[in-house]
Amino acid sequence: MIPLDLCLVLFACVAIMCFMMSMQAKWYEIEKQKIVPIAVTLAVTGVIGSEIWFFVENGDWGGRSLYGAIVFSPLVFLAVAKLLKIKYVDSLDFVAPSGCFALAVIKLQCLKDNCCVGKELYQDENFVFVRFPSQIVEMIVFLVISAILFYMSSKPKFRGKIFPWFLIMYGLARFGLDFLRETVLSYLFGLSAGSFWSLCSFIIGVFVLTIIRNKEKRSNVKMQETL
């Protein structure tokens, strides 16, 4: 059962995603009646995916790991793109900015639940440990990434590259910020779970972007040869 406060946060996320997608729709030539199904699907995938991924990381169902949303969204949108008759690559680019915005908003829930806490920095005059404000800093960083991705969406030259750029920027940001969290560095290769999956996200994003750019170079060479 999803707590009421989380339901309210998810409702806010869907509303914000619909607003952002309504502005992007003209750039991608996506009918506006498809926006609500896309936003709801993305939100539901995020919730279910994060719960599954927490189980993958920890072996129990006691929490959520946001990387589940990132892992399962591309898989779910294979079907969504086909059902709604949208190019698969366009569907991933389309949801990347608002999806990242939703990841930032979810940090409010982390702040309320006191999870994803930052490392202890110092003791104040009352001998209370002051922690790094990881939830707030992550929220701000993810909002900045969302704004960058939204700007990229408006530029045709970035079409097909936005989701890989999301993987790169989000992975790089999370990798660095994870060292400022109170984490256990014993998941794999001496890294925390968040750091490990962030590194994977960065590597996959770079790999996909390299493939795309190599294809573009070969295409440009062929065009020049035919001229």
C-alpha atoms as a PDB file:
ATOM      1  CA  MET A   1       0.000   0.000   0.000  1.00  0.00           C
ATOM      2  CA  ILE A   2       1.436   3.372  -1.057  1.00  0.00           C
ATOM      3  CA  PRO A   3       1.317   5.956   1.780  1.00  0.00           C
ATOM      4  CA  LEU A   4      -0.998   8.931   1.280  1.00  0.00           C
ATOM      5  CA  ASP A   5       1.837  11.462   1.366  1.00  0.00           C
ATOM      6  CA  LEU A   6       3.681   9.579  -1.373  1.00  0.00           C
ATOM      7  CA  CYS A   7       0.456   9.447  -3.424  1.00  0.00           C
ATOM      8  CA  LEU A   8       0.235  13.235  -3.165  1.00  0.00           C
ATOM      9  CA  VAL A   9       3.853  13.612  -4.274  1.00  0.00           C
ATOM     10  CA  LEU A  10       3.216  11.293  -7.233  1.00  0.00           C
ATOM     11  CA  PHE A  11       0.095  13.249  -8.176  1.00  0.00           C
ATOM     12  CA  ALA A  12       2.176  16.437  -8.138  1.00  0.00           C
ATOM     13  CA  CYS A  13       4.829  14.716 -10.272  1.00  0.00           C
ATOM     14  CA  VAL A  14       2.241  13.633 -12.862  1.00  0.00           C
ATOM     15  CA  ALA A  15       0.791  17.149 -13.007  1.00  0.00           C
ATOM     16  CA  ILE A  16       4.226  18.713 -13.497  1.00  0.00           C
ATOM     17  CA  MET A  17       5.215  16.110 -16.091  1.00  0.00           C
ATOM     18  CA  CYS A  18       2.000  16.749 -18.041  1.00  0.00           C
ATOM     19  CA  PHE A  19       2.732  20.478 -18.020  1.00  0.00           C
ATOM     20  CA  MET A  20       6.306  20.002 -19.246  1.00  0.00           C
ATOM     21  CA  MET A  21       5.279  17.443 -21.865  1.00  0.00           C
ATOM     22  CA  SER A  22       2.537  19.734 -23.179  1.00  0.00           C
ATOM     23  CA  MET A  23       5.265  22.256 -24.061  1.00  0.00           C
ATOM     24  CA  GLN A  24       7.467  19.567 -25.607  1.00  0.00           C
ATOM     25  CA  ALA A  25       4.643  18.007 -27.641  1.00  0.00           C
ATOM     26  CA  LYS A  26       4.970  20.461 -30.537  1.00  0.00           C
ATOM     27  CA  TRP A  27       8.692  19.774 -30.802  1.00  0.00           C
ATOM     28  CA  TYR A  28       8.110  16.024 -31.107  1.00  0.00           C
ATOM     29  CA  GLU A  29       4.803  16.256 -32.985  1.00  0.00           C
ATOM     30  CA  ILE A  30       3.098  14.163 -30.300  1.00  0.00           C
ATOM     31  CA  GLU A  31      -0.665  14.522 -29.898  1.00  0.00           C
ATOM     32  CA  LYS A  32      -1.577  16.108 -26.563  1.00  0.00           C
ATOM     33  CA  GLN A  33      -4.110  13.373 -25.735  1.00  0.00           C
ATOM     34  CA  LYS A  34      -1.150  11.003 -25.387  1.00  0.00           C
ATOM     35  CA  ILE A  35       0.523  13.088 -22.689  1.00  0.00           C
ATOM     36  CA  VAL A  36      -1.515  11.913 -19.683  1.00  0.00           C
ATOM     37  CA  PRO A  37      -1.048   8.180 -20.456  1.00  0.00           C
ATOM     38  CA  ILE A  38       2.687   8.762 -20.931  1.00  0.00           C
ATOM     39  CA  ALA A  39       3.037  10.702 -17.657  1.00  0.00           C
ATOM     40  CA  VAL A  40       0.978   8.208 -15.637  1.00  0.00           C
ATOM     41  CA  THR A  41       2.894   5.266 -17.100  1.00  0.00           C
ATOM     42  CA  LEU A  42       6.201   6.942 -16.251  1.00  0.00           C
ATOM     43  CA  ALA A  43       5.087   7.602 -12.663  1.00  0.00           C
ATOM     44  CA  VAL A  44       3.760   4.063 -12.106  1.00  0.00           C
ATOM     45  CA  THR A  45       6.898   2.573 -13.646  1.00  0.00           C
ATOM     46  CA  GLY A  46       8.989   4.717 -11.321  1.00  0.00           C
ATOM     47  CA  VAL A  47       7.185   3.530  -8.189  1.00  0.00           C
ATOM     48  CA  ILE A  48       7.090  -0.171  -9.084  1.00  0.00           C
ATOM     49  CA  GLY A  49      10.580  -0.130 -10.593  1.00  0.00           C
ATOM     50  CA  SER A  50      12.111   1.543  -7.535  1.00  0.00           C
ATOM     51  CA  GLU A  51      10.564  -1.065  -5.235  1.00  0.00           C
ATOM     52  CA  ILE A  52      11.816  -3.930  -7.406  1.00  0.00           C
ATOM     53  CA  TRP A  53      15.294  -2.415  -7.596  1.00  0.00           C
ATOM     54  CA  PHE A  54      15.462  -2.005  -3.822  1.00  0.00           C
ATOM     55  CA  PHE A  55      14.782  -5.732  -3.586  1.00  0.00           C
ATOM     56  CA  VAL A  56      17.547  -6.394  -6.140  1.00  0.00           C
ATOM     57  CA  GLU A  57      19.986  -4.344  -4.063  1.00  0.00           C
ATOM     58  CA  ASN A  58      18.966  -5.462  -0.571  1.00  0.00           C
ATOM     59  CA  GLY A  59      16.999  -8.707  -0.830  1.00  0.00           C
ATOM     60  CA  ASP A  60      13.879  -7.331   0.882  1.00  0.00           C
ATOM     61  CA  TRP A  61      10.930  -5.055   0.100  1.00  0.00           C
ATOM     62  CA  GLY A  62      11.547  -2.471   2.810  1.00  0.00           C
ATOM     63  CA  GLY A  63      12.193   0.589   0.648  1.00  0.00           C
ATOM     64  CA  ARG A  64      12.740   2.120  -2.779  1.00  0.00           C
ATOM     65  CA  SER A  65      15.741   2.700  -5.006  1.00  0.00           C
ATOM     66  CA  LEU A  66      15.250   5.405  -7.632  1.00  0.00           C
ATOM     67  CA  TYR A  67      17.542   3.647 -10.073  1.00  0.00           C
ATOM     68  CA  GLY A  68      14.716   1.163 -10.610  1.00  0.00           C
ATOM     69  CA  ALA A  69      12.777   3.922 -12.361  1.00  0.00           C
ATOM     70  CA  ILE A  70      15.701   4.532 -14.701  1.00  0.00           C
ATOM     71  CA  VAL A  71      16.260   0.824 -15.397  1.00  0.00           C
ATOM     72  CA  PHE A  72      12.643  -0.131 -16.096  1.00  0.00           C
ATOM     73  CA  SER A  73      11.426   2.974 -17.948  1.00  0.00           C
ATOM     74  CA  PRO A  74      13.291   2.168 -21.205  1.00  0.00           C
ATOM     75  CA  LEU A  75      11.879  -1.379 -21.072  1.00  0.00           C
ATOM     76  CA  VAL A  76       8.292  -0.264 -20.436  1.00  0.00           C
ATOM     77  CA  PHE A  77       8.467   2.382 -23.151  1.00  0.00           C
ATOM     78  CA  LEU A  78       9.265  -0.252 -25.749  1.00  0.00           C
ATOM     79  CA  ALA A  79       5.580  -1.162 -25.426  1.00  0.00           C
ATOM     80  CA  VAL A  80       4.321   2.387 -24.804  1.00  0.00           C
ATOM     81  CA  ALA A  81       5.988   3.741 -27.939  1.00  0.00           C
ATOM     82  CA  LYS A  82       4.497   0.950 -30.022  1.00  0.00           C
ATOM     83  CA  LEU A  83       0.985   1.351 -28.572  1.00  0.00           C
ATOM     84  CA  LEU A  84       0.974   5.131 -28.967  1.00  0.00           C
ATOM     85  CA  LYS A  85       2.735   4.993 -32.358  1.00  0.00           C
ATOM     86  CA  ILE A  86       5.715   7.084 -31.295  1.00  0.00           C
ATOM     87  CA  LYS A  87       9.312   6.471 -32.306  1.00  0.00           C
ATOM     88  CA  TYR A  88      10.985   4.623 -29.434  1.00  0.00           C
ATOM     89  CA  VAL A  89      14.012   6.926 -29.328  1.00  0.00           C
ATOM     90  CA  ASP A  90      11.718   9.972 -29.364  1.00  0.00           C
ATOM     91  CA  SER A  91       9.674   8.542 -26.487  1.00  0.00           C
ATOM     92  CA  LEU A  92      12.779   8.252 -24.284  1.00  0.00           C
ATOM     93  CA  ASP A  93      13.966  11.752 -25.194  1.00  0.00           C
ATOM     94  CA  PHE A  94      10.446  13.061 -24.590  1.00  0.00           C
ATOM     95  CA  VAL A  95      10.176  11.745 -21.013  1.00  0.00           C
ATOM     96  CA  ALA A  96      13.775  12.440 -19.912  1.00  0.00           C
ATOM     97  CA  PRO A  97      13.361  16.108 -18.801  1.00  0.00           C
ATOM     98  CA  SER A  98      10.115  15.616 -16.881  1.00  0.00           C
ATOM     99  CA  GLY A  99      11.271  12.251 -15.522  1.00  0.00           C
ATOM    100  CA  CYS A 100      14.356  13.928 -14.078  1.00  0.00           C
ATOM    101  CA  PHE A 101      12.130  16.664 -12.630  1.00  0.00           C
ATOM    102  CA  ALA A 102      10.048  13.962 -10.941  1.00  0.00           C
ATOM    103  CA  LEU A 103      13.208  12.421  -9.448  1.00  0.00           C
ATOM    104  CA  ALA A 104      13.954  15.839  -7.955  1.00  0.00           C
ATOM    105  CA  VAL A 105      10.444  16.201  -6.504  1.00  0.00           C
ATOM    106  CA  ILE A 106      10.668  12.715  -4.935  1.00  0.00           C
ATOM    107  CA  LYS A 107      13.538  14.085  -2.850  1.00  0.00           C
ATOM    108  CA  LEU A 108      10.903  15.935  -0.824  1.00  0.00           C
ATOM    109  CA  GLN A 109       9.625  12.524   0.263  1.00  0.00           C
ATOM    110  CA  CYS A 110      13.188  11.503   1.151  1.00  0.00           C
ATOM    111  CA  LEU A 111      13.485  14.655   3.243  1.00  0.00           C
ATOM    112  CA  LYS A 112      10.226  13.850   5.065  1.00  0.00           C
ATOM    113  CA  ASP A 113      11.137  10.193   5.628  1.00  0.00           C
ATOM    114  CA  ASN A 114      14.702  11.125   6.654  1.00  0.00           C
ATOM    115  CA  CYS A 115      16.230   8.706   4.172  1.00  0.00           C
ATOM    116  CA  CYS A 116      19.221   9.304   1.876  1.00  0.00           C
ATOM    117  CA  VAL A 117      20.728  11.362   4.710  1.00  0.00           C
ATOM    118  CA  GLY A 118      24.026  13.152   4.301  1.00  0.00           C
ATOM    119  CA  LYS A 119      27.270  12.489   6.122  1.00  0.00           C
ATOM    120  CA  GLU A 120      27.889  14.044   9.515  1.00  0.00           C
ATOM    121  CA  LEU A 121      29.843  17.281   9.092  1.00  0.00           C
ATOM    122  CA  TYR A 122      30.321  18.605  12.631  1.00  0.00           C
ATOM    123  CA  GLN A 123      28.752  18.963  16.064  1.00  0.00           C
ATOM    124  CA  ASP A 124      27.004  22.209  16.942  1.00  0.00           C
ATOM    125  CA  GLU A 125      27.086  23.928  20.323  1.00  0.00           C
ATOM    126  CA  ASN A 126      24.362  21.562  21.580  1.00  0.00           C
ATOM    127  CA  PHE A 127      26.482  18.538  20.605  1.00  0.00           C
ATOM    128  CA  VAL A 128      24.052  17.696  17.803  1.00  0.00           C
ATOM    129  CA  PHE A 129      25.623  16.356  14.620  1.00  0.00           C
ATOM    130  CA  VAL A 130      24.948  18.546  11.583  1.00  0.00           C
ATOM    131  CA  ARG A 131      24.663  16.568   8.364  1.00  0.00           C
ATOM    132  CA  PHE A 132      25.300  17.490   4.762  1.00  0.00           C
ATOM    133  CA  PRO A 133      21.867  18.426   3.283  1.00  0.00           C
ATOM    134  CA  SER A 134      22.023  15.657   0.686  1.00  0.00           C
ATOM    135  CA  GLN A 135      18.293  15.537  -0.130  1.00  0.00           C
ATOM    136  CA  ILE A 136      18.110  19.281  -0.802  1.00  0.00           C
ATOM    137  CA  VAL A 137      21.357  19.407  -2.778  1.00  0.00           C
ATOM    138  CA  GLU A 138      20.327  16.391  -4.885  1.00  0.00           C
ATOM    139  CA  MET A 139      16.951  17.981  -5.564  1.00  0.00           C
ATOM    140  CA  ILE A 140      18.587  21.191  -6.782  1.00  0.00           C
ATOM    141  CA  VAL A 141      21.095  19.313  -8.961  1.00  0.00           C
ATOM    142  CA  PHE A 142      18.358  17.176 -10.540  1.00  0.00           C
ATOM    143  CA  LEU A 143      16.261  20.277 -11.243  1.00  0.00           C
ATOM    144  CA  VAL A 144      19.252  21.825 -13.033  1.00  0.00           C
ATOM    145  CA  ILE A 145      19.737  18.642 -15.099  1.00  0.00           C
ATOM    146  CA  SER A 146      16.009  18.636 -15.915  1.00  0.00           C
ATOM    147  CA  ALA A 147      16.238  22.249 -17.143  1.00  0.00           C
ATOM    148  CA  ILE A 148      19.246  21.393 -19.335  1.00  0.00           C
ATOM    149  CA  LEU A 149      17.446  18.390 -20.829  1.00  0.00           C
ATOM    150  CA  PHE A 150      14.325  20.487 -21.438  1.00  0.00           C
ATOM    151  CA  TYR A 151      16.416  23.052 -23.309  1.00  0.00           C
ATOM    152  CA  MET A 152      18.032  20.283 -25.345  1.00  0.00           C
ATOM    153  CA  SER A 153      14.566  18.974 -26.239  1.00  0.00           C
ATOM    154  CA  SER A 154      13.821  22.247 -28.022  1.00  0.00           C
ATOM    155  CA  LYS A 155      16.851  21.843 -30.287  1.00  0.00           C
ATOM    156  CA  PRO A 156      16.511  19.359 -33.188  1.00  0.00           C
ATOM    157  CA  LYS A 157      20.288  18.759 -33.230  1.00  0.00           C
ATOM    158  CA  PHE A 158      20.012  16.925 -29.899  1.00  0.00           C
ATOM    159  CA  ARG A 159      17.209  14.633 -31.040  1.00  0.00           C
ATOM    160  CA  GLY A 160      18.007  11.011 -30.226  1.00  0.00           C
ATOM    161  CA  LYS A 161      20.750  12.035 -27.770  1.00  0.00           C
ATOM    162  CA  ILE A 162      18.772  13.447 -24.856  1.00  0.00           C
ATOM    163  CA  PHE A 163      18.166  10.218 -22.953  1.00  0.00           C
ATOM    164  CA  PRO A 164      21.861   9.187 -23.196  1.00  0.00           C
ATOM    165  CA  TRP A 165      22.789  12.654 -21.948  1.00  0.00           C
ATOM    166  CA  PHE A 166      20.371  12.148 -19.062  1.00  0.00           C
ATOM    167  CA  LEU A 167      22.130   8.892 -18.156  1.00  0.00           C
ATOM    168  CA  ILE A 168      25.496  10.673 -18.282  1.00  0.00           C
ATOM    169  CA  MET A 169      24.544  13.749 -16.273  1.00  0.00           C
ATOM    170  CA  TYR A 170      22.392  11.955 -13.718  1.00  0.00           C
ATOM    171  CA  GLY A 171      24.958   9.186 -13.267  1.00  0.00           C
ATOM    172  CA  LEU A 172      27.838  11.627 -12.873  1.00  0.00           C
ATOM    173  CA  ALA A 173      25.900  13.789 -10.396  1.00  0.00           C
ATOM    174  CA  ARG A 174      24.705  10.844  -8.320  1.00  0.00           C
ATOM    175  CA  PHE A 175      28.162   9.264  -8.301  1.00  0.00           C
ATOM    176  CA  GLY A 176      29.682  12.390  -6.790  1.00  0.00           C
ATOM    177  CA  LEU A 177      26.811  13.170  -4.417  1.00  0.00           C
ATOM    178  CA  ASP A 178      26.642   9.603  -3.161  1.00  0.00           C
ATOM    179  CA  PHE A 179      29.985  10.053  -1.402  1.00  0.00           C
ATOM    180  CA  LEU A 180      28.337  12.813   0.635  1.00  0.00           C
ATOM    181  CA  ARG A 181      25.580  10.461   1.802  1.00  0.00           C
ATOM    182  CA  GLU A 182      25.622   8.138   4.785  1.00  0.00           C
ATOM    183  CA  THR A 183      26.151   4.971   2.743  1.00  0.00           C
ATOM    184  CA  VAL A 184      27.688   1.534   3.107  1.00  0.00           C
ATOM    185  CA  LEU A 185      30.621   1.158   0.706  1.00  0.00           C
ATOM    186  CA  SER A 186      30.329  -2.585   0.331  1.00  0.00           C
ATOM    187  CA  TYR A 187      27.918  -3.253  -2.536  1.00  0.00           C
ATOM    188  CA  LEU A 188      30.328  -4.036  -5.386  1.00  0.00           C
ATOM    189  CA  PHE A 189      33.981  -3.097  -5.970  1.00  0.00           C
ATOM    190  CA  GLY A 190      34.045  -1.184  -2.699  1.00  0.00           C
ATOM    191  CA  LEU A 191      31.270   1.156  -3.809  1.00  0.00           C
ATOM    192  CA  SER A 192      27.819   1.795  -2.401  1.00  0.00           C
ATOM    193  CA  ALA A 193      24.838   0.605  -4.438  1.00  0.00           C
ATOM    194  CA  GLY A 194      24.097   4.172  -5.529  1.00  0.00           C
ATOM    195  CA  SER A 195      27.683   4.823  -6.626  1.00  0.00           C
ATOM    196  CA  PHE A 196      27.879   1.522  -8.524  1.00  0.00           C
ATOM    197  CA  TRP A 197      24.659   2.078 -10.491  1.00  0.00           C
ATOM    198  CA  SER A 198      25.601   5.709 -11.088  1.00  0.00           C
ATOM    199  CA  LEU A 199      28.868   4.563 -12.633  1.00  0.00           C
ATOM    200  CA  CYS A 200      26.923   2.079 -14.790  1.00  0.00           C
ATOM    201  CA  SER A 201      24.526   4.849 -15.861  1.00  0.00           C
ATOM    202  CA  PHE A 202      27.415   7.105 -16.879  1.00  0.00           C
ATOM    203  CA  ILE A 203      29.190   4.350 -18.817  1.00  0.00           C
ATOM    204  CA  ILE A 204      26.028   3.254 -20.644  1.00  0.00           C
ATOM    205  CA  GLY A 205      25.191   6.861 -21.536  1.00  0.00           C
ATOM    206  CA  VAL A 206      28.678   7.474 -22.941  1.00  0.00           C
ATOM    207  CA  PHE A 207      28.588   4.163 -24.830  1.00  0.00           C
ATOM    208  CA  VAL A 208      25.196   4.902 -26.459  1.00  0.00           C
ATOM    209  CA  LEU A 209      26.184   8.470 -27.302  1.00  0.00           C
ATOM    210  CA  THR A 210      29.428   7.233 -28.885  1.00  0.00           C
ATOM    211  CA  ILE A 211      27.487   4.785 -31.077  1.00  0.00           C
ATOM    212  CA  ILE A 212      25.114   7.559 -32.181  1.00  0.00           C
ATOM    213  CA  ARG A 213      27.946   9.929 -33.023  1.00  0.00           C
ATOM    214  CA  ASN A 214      29.854   7.248 -34.953  1.00  0.00           C
ATOM    215  CA  LYS A 215      26.711   6.557 -37.006  1.00  0.00           C
ATOM    216  CA  GLU A 216      26.370  10.262 -37.732  1.00  0.00           C
ATOM    217  CA  LYS A 217      30.003  10.464 -38.851  1.00  0.00           C
ATOM    218  CA  ARG A 218      29.606   7.490 -41.188  1.00  0.00           C
ATOM    219  CA  SER A 219      26.413   9.001 -42.560  1.00  0.00           C
ATOM    220  CA  ASN A 220      28.141  12.337 -43.199  1.00  0.00           C
ATOM    221  CA  VAL A 221      31.046  10.580 -44.947  1.00  0.00           C
ATOM    222  CA  LYS A 222      28.636   8.713 -47.240  1.00  0.00           C
ATOM    223  CA  MET A 223      26.796  11.942 -48.069  1.00  0.00           C
ATOM    224  CA  GLN A 224      30.070  13.654 -48.958  1.00  0.00           C
ATOM    225  CA  GLU A 225      31.108  10.725 -51.145  1.00  0.00           C
ATOM    226  CA  THR A 226      27.875  10.910 -53.120  1.00  0.00           C
ATOM    227  CA  LEU A 227      28.234  14.638 -53.775  1.00  0.00           C
END
